[in-house]
Amino acid sequence: MSNTTKKPIANHNDTQTPIGYKRTAIGVIPIDWDVKKLSDCANILMGQSPSSTSYNGNGDGFYLIQGNADIKDRLSSPRIWTNDPTKLCKEGDILMSVRAPVGTISKSKHTACIGRGICSIKSKEKINQEFLYNFLLSFESQWKSLEQGSTFTAVNSNDIMNLQLPIPSIAEQQKIAEILSTWDEAISNCKNTINTLKLRNKGLSQQLLTGKKRLSGFSEKWEIKKIKDFSLEISSKNKGDEDLIVLSCTKYNGLVPSLEYFGRKIYSDNLKTYKIVKKNTFAYATNHIEEGSIGYQNKYESALISPMYTVFKTDENINDDFLFKVLKSNTYIQEYQKRMEGSIDRRGGLRWQEFSKIKVSVPSYEEQTAIALALETADQELKSYETKLEALQLQKKGLMQQLLTGKIRVNVK
C-alpha cells in the first residue's frame, strides 16, 4: 500500500519495545501518539426513553431508537415515534448499544430520539469522526468483558467514558479514515449487489417454479400431481446400530451434521430407533415443517435422523433439485402452515399421509433439470458475492487492527 509504511522493530524479543514506539496502559503504540479517554475525545449522550404517552405509530415527531434490534437499522415494525423526545442524536452520530448484547456500533441516519439501552457519540475538536467510528467498531467484541448485571446486562456509563483510545495527529486520523472508507465503499457496494441479487433470485424462482416464465425451448403443458404420485415414504430404522453420522434439519441450511452445527450432542445415546436417510432422499421435521425445515440428503451414502422426521424418496420422473426448490419456496411453506393449522391433532405435525396430498405443478424431466440449473447458476452468483463480502470484511478487520494501533503507519505528507 503506497500510503502506508511499516516501522522497523528492534528485535523479535517481546520484552523489547520497537523503535519509534512506546509502552502504555493499552499496549505498544507509536511514540508520537497519545492515550486519551473517550470522554476527552467525544461528547457522549446516554439515551433515555420518553413518556409512553407520547408514543405514536403515524410518523409524528421523532423516530425512537431503542434496543439492539434498531442499532443496525433493523427498524421495528411498526415504527415507534414520539412527540416528546428526551435525548436526541443527529445524523452521522455514532450509536452504541449499551444493553446486552452490548457494544454494537452503527451510525444514525437521521435526527432521532434515543431511548434507554442506546448512547450517542459525537467527536470533539481535533478528533476525526470516521476515525473514532472505526475504532469503536474494532472494539465491539471487547465490551462484553465490561458487562454488568444479572437480569439485564449492560455497560456502565463510566466504563464508556473512561475507555482509553490510542490517538494519532488529526492528519493521521484523517488519512486512516480515508483508507478505511475505501473498504467501506467496497463493502457497501457488495452488500447492495447482494440485496439486488436476492430480490432477482426470489423473483426468478417464483416465476420459473410456477411456469409463469418459461425457459427457451420448452412449451409443453405442466401436469398437476400430488407428492404421493411420484414419491414413497421411507421408514428404515437403524436396527443394526450402525455408526453413521447424525443429521439435523435446519430452517435455512437444510440437513446438517448435528454435532458440527450445534457444537454439542443433542441427540439420543440410543440410535437404534433413528431413521436411516440414504443419499438422494428428502427429510423434513414432522412437527416443524411450517418453518421450512425440510432438507435433501446428497452428501452421505447413509446417515441417521431422529424418528421425529419424515423421510421420502422420489421416482425417476422427478429432478430432486427442482423439487427441493419447490418445497422450500414461500408458497409451499405457507401451504405447510395452513395444513398444520387445520390439523385435528396439531401436535402431531404434518405427517406423510397429509403431506403427500400436497399438489405440485410438474413439467417434463428435461424442463425440471433446466429450471434447477438456471436457479443454481443464479444462486452461485449470489454466493460468489457473499464470499467476496466476507473477504472484504476480513480485509478491513485486519487493516483496522494494523492502522488503529499504529503497527502500520500512514504517510500524511
Protein backbone atom coordinates (compact mmCIF):
# COMPACT_ATOMS: atom_id res chain seq x y z
CA MET A 1 0.00 0.00 0.00
CA SER A 2 1.69 3.15 -1.20
CA ASN A 3 0.43 5.49 1.51
CA THR A 4 1.44 3.30 4.45
CA THR A 5 4.77 2.30 5.94
CA LYS A 6 5.71 -0.37 8.43
CA LYS A 7 8.09 0.71 11.19
CA PRO A 8 11.26 -1.31 11.89
CA ILE A 9 11.38 -3.43 15.04
CA ALA A 10 14.47 -3.60 17.22
CA ASN A 11 14.26 -7.39 17.58
CA HIS A 12 11.71 -10.16 17.97
CA ASN A 13 12.01 -10.34 21.76
CA ASP A 14 8.63 -9.44 23.31
CA THR A 15 10.42 -7.67 26.19
CA GLN A 16 11.81 -5.08 23.80
CA THR A 17 9.91 -2.03 22.58
CA PRO A 18 10.02 -1.49 18.80
CA ILE A 19 11.97 1.53 17.58
CA GLY A 20 9.70 4.58 17.41
CA TYR A 21 7.12 3.06 19.77
CA LYS A 22 6.30 3.29 23.47
CA ARG A 23 4.57 1.09 26.03
CA THR A 24 1.31 2.37 27.53
CA ALA A 25 -1.56 1.07 29.65
CA ILE A 26 -3.31 -0.04 26.44
CA GLY A 27 -0.25 -1.59 24.83
CA VAL A 28 2.53 -0.54 22.47
CA ILE A 29 1.70 2.50 20.33
CA PRO A 30 3.75 4.95 18.21
CA ILE A 31 5.79 7.33 20.30
CA ASP A 32 4.01 10.37 18.85
CA TRP A 33 0.51 9.05 19.64
CA ASP A 34 -1.41 9.89 22.81
CA VAL A 35 -3.70 7.85 25.03
CA LYS A 36 -7.00 9.59 25.76
CA LYS A 37 -10.30 8.75 27.38
CA LEU A 38 -13.34 8.53 25.15
CA SER A 39 -14.95 11.35 27.16
CA ASP A 40 -11.98 13.58 26.21
CA CYS A 41 -12.45 12.71 22.54
CA ALA A 42 -16.22 12.84 22.23
CA ASN A 43 -19.48 14.13 23.61
CA ILE A 44 -21.39 11.11 24.97
CA LEU A 45 -25.15 11.18 25.41
CA MET A 46 -26.82 8.31 27.27
CA GLY A 47 -30.31 7.55 25.99
CA GLN A 48 -33.49 8.00 27.98
CA SER A 49 -36.91 6.78 26.87
CA PRO A 50 -39.67 9.41 26.75
CA SER A 51 -43.06 9.03 28.38
CA SER A 52 -45.04 6.18 26.83
CA THR A 53 -47.98 8.56 26.41
CA SER A 54 -46.00 10.43 23.73
CA TYR A 55 -45.51 7.33 21.54
CA ASN A 56 -47.27 7.04 18.19
CA GLY A 57 -47.02 4.99 15.02
CA ASN A 58 -48.07 7.59 12.47
CA GLY A 59 -44.71 9.28 11.86
CA ASP A 60 -45.33 12.37 14.02
CA GLY A 61 -42.34 13.84 15.85
CA PHE A 62 -39.06 11.90 16.14
CA TYR A 63 -38.36 8.26 15.48
CA LEU A 64 -37.43 6.41 18.69
CA ILE A 65 -34.31 4.22 18.52
CA GLN A 66 -34.31 1.66 21.29
CA GLY A 67 -32.63 -1.66 21.91
CA ASN A 68 -30.16 -3.65 19.85
CA ALA A 69 -32.78 -4.55 17.22
CA ASP A 70 -32.68 -0.95 15.98
CA ILE A 71 -28.98 -0.24 16.21
CA LYS A 72 -28.08 -1.90 12.90
CA ASP A 73 -31.04 -0.26 11.18
CA ARG A 74 -33.34 -3.26 11.51
CA LEU A 75 -36.18 -0.95 12.41
CA SER A 76 -39.06 -2.24 14.49
CA SER A 77 -42.40 -2.73 12.77
CA PRO A 78 -44.48 -0.72 13.20
CA ARG A 79 -42.02 2.09 13.85
CA ILE A 80 -42.39 3.97 17.11
CA TRP A 81 -42.36 7.76 17.11
CA THR A 82 -42.54 10.28 19.93
CA ASN A 83 -43.86 13.82 20.14
CA ASP A 84 -41.89 14.49 23.33
CA PRO A 85 -38.25 13.40 22.80
CA THR A 86 -35.91 13.41 25.79
CA LYS A 87 -32.47 12.78 24.22
CA LEU A 88 -31.75 13.44 20.54
CA CYS A 89 -28.98 12.16 18.28
CA LYS A 90 -28.22 13.77 14.93
CA GLU A 91 -27.46 12.34 11.51
CA GLY A 92 -23.93 10.95 11.45
CA ASP A 93 -23.68 10.46 15.23
CA ILE A 94 -22.21 7.15 16.35
CA LEU A 95 -24.77 4.95 18.11
CA MET A 96 -23.81 2.19 20.54
CA SER A 97 -25.94 -0.41 22.26
CA VAL A 98 -25.20 -0.35 26.00
CA ARG A 99 -27.51 -3.26 26.90
CA ALA A 100 -27.00 -6.90 26.04
CA PRO A 101 -25.68 -7.71 23.56
CA VAL A 102 -23.56 -4.67 24.21
CA GLY A 103 -21.12 -2.76 22.03
CA THR A 104 -22.97 -2.92 18.71
CA ILE A 105 -21.96 0.14 16.69
CA SER A 106 -23.86 1.95 13.95
CA LYS A 107 -24.42 5.44 12.59
CA SER A 108 -27.58 7.48 12.92
CA LYS A 109 -29.16 8.17 9.55
CA HIS A 110 -31.37 10.98 10.82
CA THR A 111 -32.17 13.07 13.87
CA ALA A 112 -33.89 10.72 16.30
CA CYS A 113 -34.80 10.16 19.93
CA ILE A 114 -32.51 7.65 21.67
CA GLY A 115 -34.10 5.52 24.37
CA ARG A 116 -32.56 3.51 27.18
CA GLY A 117 -30.01 0.99 26.02
CA ILE A 118 -28.52 3.37 23.45
CA CYS A 119 -25.86 6.05 23.66
CA SER A 120 -24.89 8.64 21.07
CA ILE A 121 -21.25 9.59 20.49
CA LYS A 122 -20.02 12.70 18.63
CA SER A 123 -16.34 13.53 18.22
CA LYS A 124 -14.88 16.70 19.67
CA GLU A 125 -12.46 19.11 18.02
CA LYS A 126 -9.25 17.50 16.66
CA ILE A 127 -10.87 14.08 16.65
CA ASN A 128 -11.97 12.73 13.28
CA GLN A 129 -15.48 11.25 13.50
CA GLU A 130 -14.73 8.46 10.99
CA PHE A 131 -11.52 7.53 12.82
CA LEU A 132 -13.48 7.36 16.10
CA TYR A 133 -16.25 5.33 14.46
CA ASN A 134 -13.77 2.77 13.12
CA PHE A 135 -12.00 2.48 16.46
CA LEU A 136 -15.30 1.80 18.25
CA LEU A 137 -16.18 -0.76 15.57
CA SER A 138 -12.87 -2.51 16.23
CA PHE A 139 -13.69 -2.56 19.97
CA GLU A 140 -17.22 -4.03 19.56
CA SER A 141 -16.44 -7.55 20.76
CA GLN A 142 -14.47 -6.38 23.81
CA TRP A 143 -17.37 -4.63 25.52
CA LYS A 144 -18.71 -8.00 26.70
CA SER A 145 -15.93 -8.21 29.32
CA LEU A 146 -17.31 -5.00 30.86
CA GLU A 147 -20.95 -6.15 31.12
CA GLN A 148 -22.62 -5.87 34.49
CA GLY A 149 -25.94 -7.05 35.92
CA SER A 150 -27.70 -10.39 36.17
CA THR A 151 -31.17 -9.99 34.67
CA PHE A 152 -30.34 -7.30 32.11
CA THR A 153 -26.64 -6.94 31.45
CA ALA A 154 -25.31 -3.55 30.41
CA VAL A 155 -22.18 -1.44 30.19
CA ASN A 156 -21.75 1.22 32.87
CA SER A 157 -21.61 4.79 31.55
CA ASN A 158 -18.36 5.33 33.46
CA ASP A 159 -16.77 2.43 31.57
CA ILE A 160 -17.81 4.04 28.31
CA MET A 161 -16.47 7.46 29.25
CA ASN A 162 -13.21 6.05 30.62
CA LEU A 163 -12.47 3.83 27.61
CA GLN A 164 -8.88 4.57 26.57
CA LEU A 165 -8.03 5.14 22.92
CA PRO A 166 -4.72 5.48 21.04
CA ILE A 167 -4.90 8.87 19.30
CA PRO A 168 -2.57 9.99 16.46
CA SER A 169 -2.46 13.50 15.00
CA ILE A 170 -5.61 14.77 13.29
CA ALA A 171 -3.84 14.48 9.92
CA GLU A 172 -3.05 10.81 10.53
CA GLN A 173 -6.59 10.18 11.81
CA GLN A 174 -7.99 11.62 8.59
CA LYS A 175 -5.67 9.53 6.41
CA ILE A 176 -6.54 6.35 8.32
CA ALA A 177 -10.24 7.16 7.95
CA GLU A 178 -9.79 7.75 4.19
CA ILE A 179 -8.07 4.38 3.72
CA LEU A 180 -10.72 2.50 5.68
CA SER A 181 -13.50 4.33 3.83
CA THR A 182 -12.23 2.71 0.61
CA TRP A 183 -13.05 -0.69 2.11
CA ASP A 184 -16.35 0.65 3.48
CA GLU A 185 -17.36 1.73 -0.02
CA ALA A 186 -16.43 -1.64 -1.49
CA ILE A 187 -18.33 -3.43 1.31
CA SER A 188 -21.38 -1.21 0.80
CA ASN A 189 -21.37 -1.80 -2.97
CA CYS A 190 -21.05 -5.54 -2.41
CA LYS A 191 -23.97 -5.54 0.06
CA ASN A 192 -26.11 -3.60 -2.42
CA THR A 193 -25.30 -6.13 -5.15
CA ILE A 194 -26.18 -8.99 -2.78
CA ASN A 195 -29.54 -7.40 -1.94
CA THR A 196 -30.25 -6.86 -5.65
CA LEU A 197 -29.36 -10.48 -6.47
CA LYS A 198 -31.51 -11.80 -3.62
CA LEU A 199 -34.53 -9.94 -4.98
CA ARG A 200 -33.74 -11.08 -8.51
CA ASN A 201 -33.34 -14.71 -7.44
CA LYS A 202 -36.55 -14.62 -5.43
CA GLY A 203 -38.50 -13.29 -8.40
CA LEU A 204 -36.82 -15.70 -10.82
CA SER A 205 -37.61 -18.62 -8.53
CA GLN A 206 -41.26 -17.64 -8.21
CA GLN A 207 -41.63 -17.33 -11.97
CA LEU A 208 -39.72 -20.43 -13.08
CA LEU A 209 -41.06 -22.81 -10.43
CA THR A 210 -44.66 -21.92 -11.22
CA GLY A 211 -44.34 -21.85 -15.01
CA LYS A 212 -45.18 -18.14 -15.23
CA LYS A 213 -41.84 -17.75 -17.01
CA ARG A 214 -40.69 -20.48 -19.39
CA LEU A 215 -37.15 -21.18 -20.46
CA SER A 216 -36.34 -21.13 -24.15
CA GLY A 217 -37.20 -24.37 -25.94
CA PHE A 218 -39.98 -25.52 -23.58
CA SER A 219 -43.69 -25.21 -24.26
CA GLU A 220 -45.30 -28.48 -23.06
CA LYS A 221 -48.16 -28.19 -20.59
CA TRP A 222 -47.29 -28.91 -16.96
CA GLU A 223 -49.06 -31.66 -15.01
CA ILE A 224 -50.63 -31.25 -11.58
CA LYS A 225 -49.57 -34.13 -9.35
CA LYS A 226 -49.77 -34.99 -5.66
CA ILE A 227 -46.46 -35.66 -3.94
CA LYS A 228 -47.55 -39.27 -3.33
CA ASP A 229 -47.90 -39.76 -7.11
CA PHE A 230 -44.12 -39.63 -7.52
CA SER A 231 -42.75 -40.24 -4.01
CA LEU A 232 -42.59 -43.01 -1.41
CA GLU A 233 -42.17 -42.68 2.36
CA ILE A 234 -39.06 -44.45 3.75
CA SER A 235 -39.13 -45.66 7.37
CA SER A 236 -35.98 -47.78 7.68
CA LYS A 237 -34.70 -47.84 11.28
CA ASN A 238 -31.10 -48.26 12.44
CA LYS A 239 -31.81 -51.66 13.99
CA GLY A 240 -28.23 -52.82 13.45
CA ASP A 241 -26.94 -49.80 15.44
CA GLU A 242 -24.67 -48.70 12.59
CA ASP A 243 -22.14 -45.99 13.37
CA LEU A 244 -23.49 -43.33 11.00
CA ILE A 245 -23.38 -39.54 11.17
CA VAL A 246 -26.47 -37.98 12.76
CA LEU A 247 -28.14 -35.14 10.87
CA SER A 248 -30.50 -32.37 11.92
CA CYS A 249 -32.74 -30.32 9.67
CA THR A 250 -32.47 -26.54 9.88
CA LYS A 251 -34.71 -23.79 8.56
CA TYR A 252 -32.11 -22.18 6.30
CA ASN A 253 -29.34 -24.75 5.81
CA GLY A 254 -31.35 -27.93 5.31
CA LEU A 255 -29.76 -31.16 6.56
CA VAL A 256 -26.54 -30.60 8.50
CA PRO A 257 -24.29 -32.73 10.77
CA SER A 258 -25.88 -32.28 14.19
CA LEU A 259 -22.67 -32.19 16.26
CA GLU A 260 -20.99 -29.75 13.90
CA TYR A 261 -23.97 -27.41 13.68
CA PHE A 262 -24.94 -27.24 17.36
CA GLY A 263 -21.46 -27.71 18.81
CA ARG A 264 -22.76 -30.31 21.26
CA LYS A 265 -24.65 -33.58 21.32
CA ILE A 266 -28.41 -33.06 21.29
CA TYR A 267 -29.46 -36.49 20.07
CA SER A 268 -30.12 -39.73 21.96
CA ASP A 269 -27.45 -42.23 23.04
CA ASN A 270 -29.66 -44.99 21.65
CA LEU A 271 -29.55 -44.63 17.86
CA LYS A 272 -31.35 -47.89 17.07
CA THR A 273 -34.68 -46.07 16.81
CA TYR A 274 -33.25 -43.41 14.47
CA LYS A 275 -34.24 -43.44 10.81
CA ILE A 276 -31.72 -44.15 8.06
CA VAL A 277 -31.70 -41.41 5.46
CA LYS A 278 -29.86 -42.63 2.37
CA LYS A 279 -28.26 -40.49 -0.28
CA ASN A 280 -30.71 -38.70 -2.61
CA THR A 281 -33.64 -38.75 -0.20
CA PHE A 282 -35.67 -35.97 1.43
CA ALA A 283 -36.33 -35.48 5.14
CA TYR A 284 -38.47 -32.95 6.96
CA ALA A 285 -39.18 -32.12 10.60
CA THR A 286 -42.68 -33.55 11.00
CA ASN A 287 -43.56 -31.14 13.82
CA HIS A 288 -41.79 -28.06 12.43
CA ILE A 289 -42.01 -28.16 8.67
CA GLU A 290 -44.12 -24.99 8.74
CA GLU A 291 -40.85 -23.16 9.44
CA GLY A 292 -39.32 -24.53 6.25
CA SER A 293 -37.39 -27.32 7.96
CA ILE A 294 -37.03 -29.67 5.02
CA GLY A 295 -33.76 -30.95 3.59
CA TYR A 296 -32.25 -33.08 0.85
CA GLN A 297 -29.55 -35.63 1.69
CA ASN A 298 -27.00 -35.72 -1.13
CA LYS A 299 -23.72 -35.85 0.79
CA TYR A 300 -23.50 -39.22 2.60
CA GLU A 301 -24.25 -42.73 1.36
CA SER A 302 -26.24 -43.24 4.56
CA ALA A 303 -26.88 -41.08 7.63
CA LEU A 304 -29.22 -41.04 10.62
CA ILE A 305 -32.00 -38.70 11.58
CA SER A 306 -34.38 -38.51 14.52
CA PRO A 307 -37.50 -40.72 14.37
CA MET A 308 -39.45 -37.45 14.65
CA TYR A 309 -38.60 -36.76 10.99
CA THR A 310 -40.39 -37.96 7.87
CA VAL A 311 -38.19 -39.40 5.10
CA PHE A 312 -39.22 -39.93 1.48
CA LYS A 313 -37.74 -40.66 -1.94
CA THR A 314 -38.91 -39.64 -5.43
CA ASP A 315 -39.12 -41.76 -8.55
CA GLU A 316 -37.12 -41.41 -11.78
CA ASN A 317 -39.51 -38.82 -13.28
CA ILE A 318 -38.55 -36.13 -10.76
CA ASN A 319 -35.43 -33.99 -10.68
CA ASP A 320 -34.77 -33.70 -6.95
CA ASP A 321 -33.01 -30.34 -7.25
CA PHE A 322 -36.14 -28.93 -8.91
CA LEU A 323 -38.48 -30.44 -6.31
CA PHE A 324 -36.35 -29.28 -3.39
CA LYS A 325 -36.53 -25.68 -4.61
CA VAL A 326 -40.30 -26.02 -4.98
CA LEU A 327 -40.75 -27.44 -1.48
CA LYS A 328 -38.54 -24.72 0.03
CA SER A 329 -40.40 -21.88 -1.67
CA ASN A 330 -42.55 -19.45 0.32
CA THR A 331 -45.67 -20.73 -1.44
CA TYR A 332 -45.18 -24.21 -0.04
CA ILE A 333 -44.10 -23.07 3.42
CA GLN A 334 -47.44 -21.27 3.58
CA GLU A 335 -49.11 -24.48 2.43
CA TYR A 336 -47.49 -26.42 5.29
CA GLN A 337 -48.66 -23.77 7.74
CA LYS A 338 -52.27 -23.97 6.53
CA ARG A 339 -52.35 -27.75 6.71
CA MET A 340 -50.86 -27.80 10.23
CA GLU A 341 -53.27 -25.14 11.47
CA GLY A 342 -56.15 -27.20 10.10
CA SER A 343 -54.90 -30.43 11.62
CA ILE A 344 -57.11 -32.07 14.26
CA ASP A 345 -54.04 -33.13 16.21
CA ARG A 346 -51.82 -30.03 15.91
CA ARG A 347 -49.06 -31.64 17.97
CA GLY A 348 -48.88 -34.48 15.50
CA GLY A 349 -47.41 -32.14 12.93
CA LEU A 350 -47.65 -32.68 9.19
CA ARG A 351 -47.40 -36.43 8.77
CA TRP A 352 -46.81 -38.19 5.46
CA GLN A 353 -50.48 -39.05 4.94
CA GLU A 354 -51.35 -35.34 4.78
CA PHE A 355 -48.05 -34.06 3.36
CA SER A 356 -48.20 -36.47 0.42
CA LYS A 357 -51.54 -34.97 -0.70
CA ILE A 358 -49.92 -31.62 -1.47
CA LYS A 359 -50.13 -30.81 -5.17
CA VAL A 360 -47.15 -29.80 -7.31
CA SER A 361 -47.04 -28.46 -10.88
CA VAL A 362 -44.59 -30.73 -12.68
CA PRO A 363 -43.03 -30.03 -16.12
CA SER A 364 -41.11 -32.59 -18.16
CA TYR A 365 -37.96 -34.01 -16.58
CA GLU A 366 -35.87 -32.04 -19.08
CA GLU A 367 -37.53 -28.76 -18.14
CA GLN A 368 -37.21 -29.56 -14.43
CA THR A 369 -33.49 -30.05 -14.96
CA ALA A 370 -33.14 -26.83 -16.95
CA ILE A 371 -35.02 -24.83 -14.29
CA ALA A 372 -32.92 -26.32 -11.47
CA LEU A 373 -29.73 -25.47 -13.38
CA ALA A 374 -30.85 -21.90 -14.06
CA LEU A 375 -31.72 -21.30 -10.42
CA GLU A 376 -28.50 -22.95 -9.23
CA THR A 377 -26.48 -20.69 -11.55
CA ALA A 378 -28.25 -17.67 -10.09
CA ASP A 379 -27.60 -18.95 -6.55
CA GLN A 380 -23.91 -19.46 -7.30
CA GLU A 381 -23.60 -15.87 -8.50
CA LEU A 382 -25.14 -14.70 -5.22
CA LYS A 383 -22.82 -16.95 -3.21
CA SER A 384 -19.79 -15.57 -5.04
CA TYR A 385 -20.69 -12.05 -3.90
CA GLU A 386 -21.37 -13.28 -0.36
CA THR A 387 -17.90 -14.85 -0.36
CA LYS A 388 -16.45 -11.60 -1.70
CA LEU A 389 -18.21 -9.67 1.08
CA GLU A 390 -16.73 -11.95 3.75
CA ALA A 391 -13.27 -11.42 2.25
CA LEU A 392 -13.67 -7.63 2.18
CA GLN A 393 -14.88 -7.59 5.78
CA LEU A 394 -11.92 -9.72 6.89
CA GLN A 395 -9.53 -7.49 4.97
CA LYS A 396 -10.94 -4.39 6.64
CA LYS A 397 -10.83 -6.03 10.06
CA GLY A 398 -7.16 -6.92 9.59
CA LEU A 399 -6.38 -3.44 8.28
CA MET A 400 -8.13 -1.84 11.24
CA GLN A 401 -6.05 -3.90 13.65
CA GLN A 402 -2.90 -2.62 11.98
CA LEU A 403 -3.81 1.03 11.31
CA LEU A 404 -5.73 1.83 14.50
CA THR A 405 -2.88 0.58 16.70
CA GLY A 406 -0.10 2.20 14.71
CA LYS A 407 1.52 -1.11 13.74
CA ILE A 408 1.28 0.22 10.21
CA ARG A 409 1.82 3.96 9.82
CA VAL A 410 0.29 6.10 7.10
CA ASN A 411 2.10 8.80 5.13
CA VAL A 412 0.47 12.17 5.79
CA LYS A 413 2.85 14.41 3.86
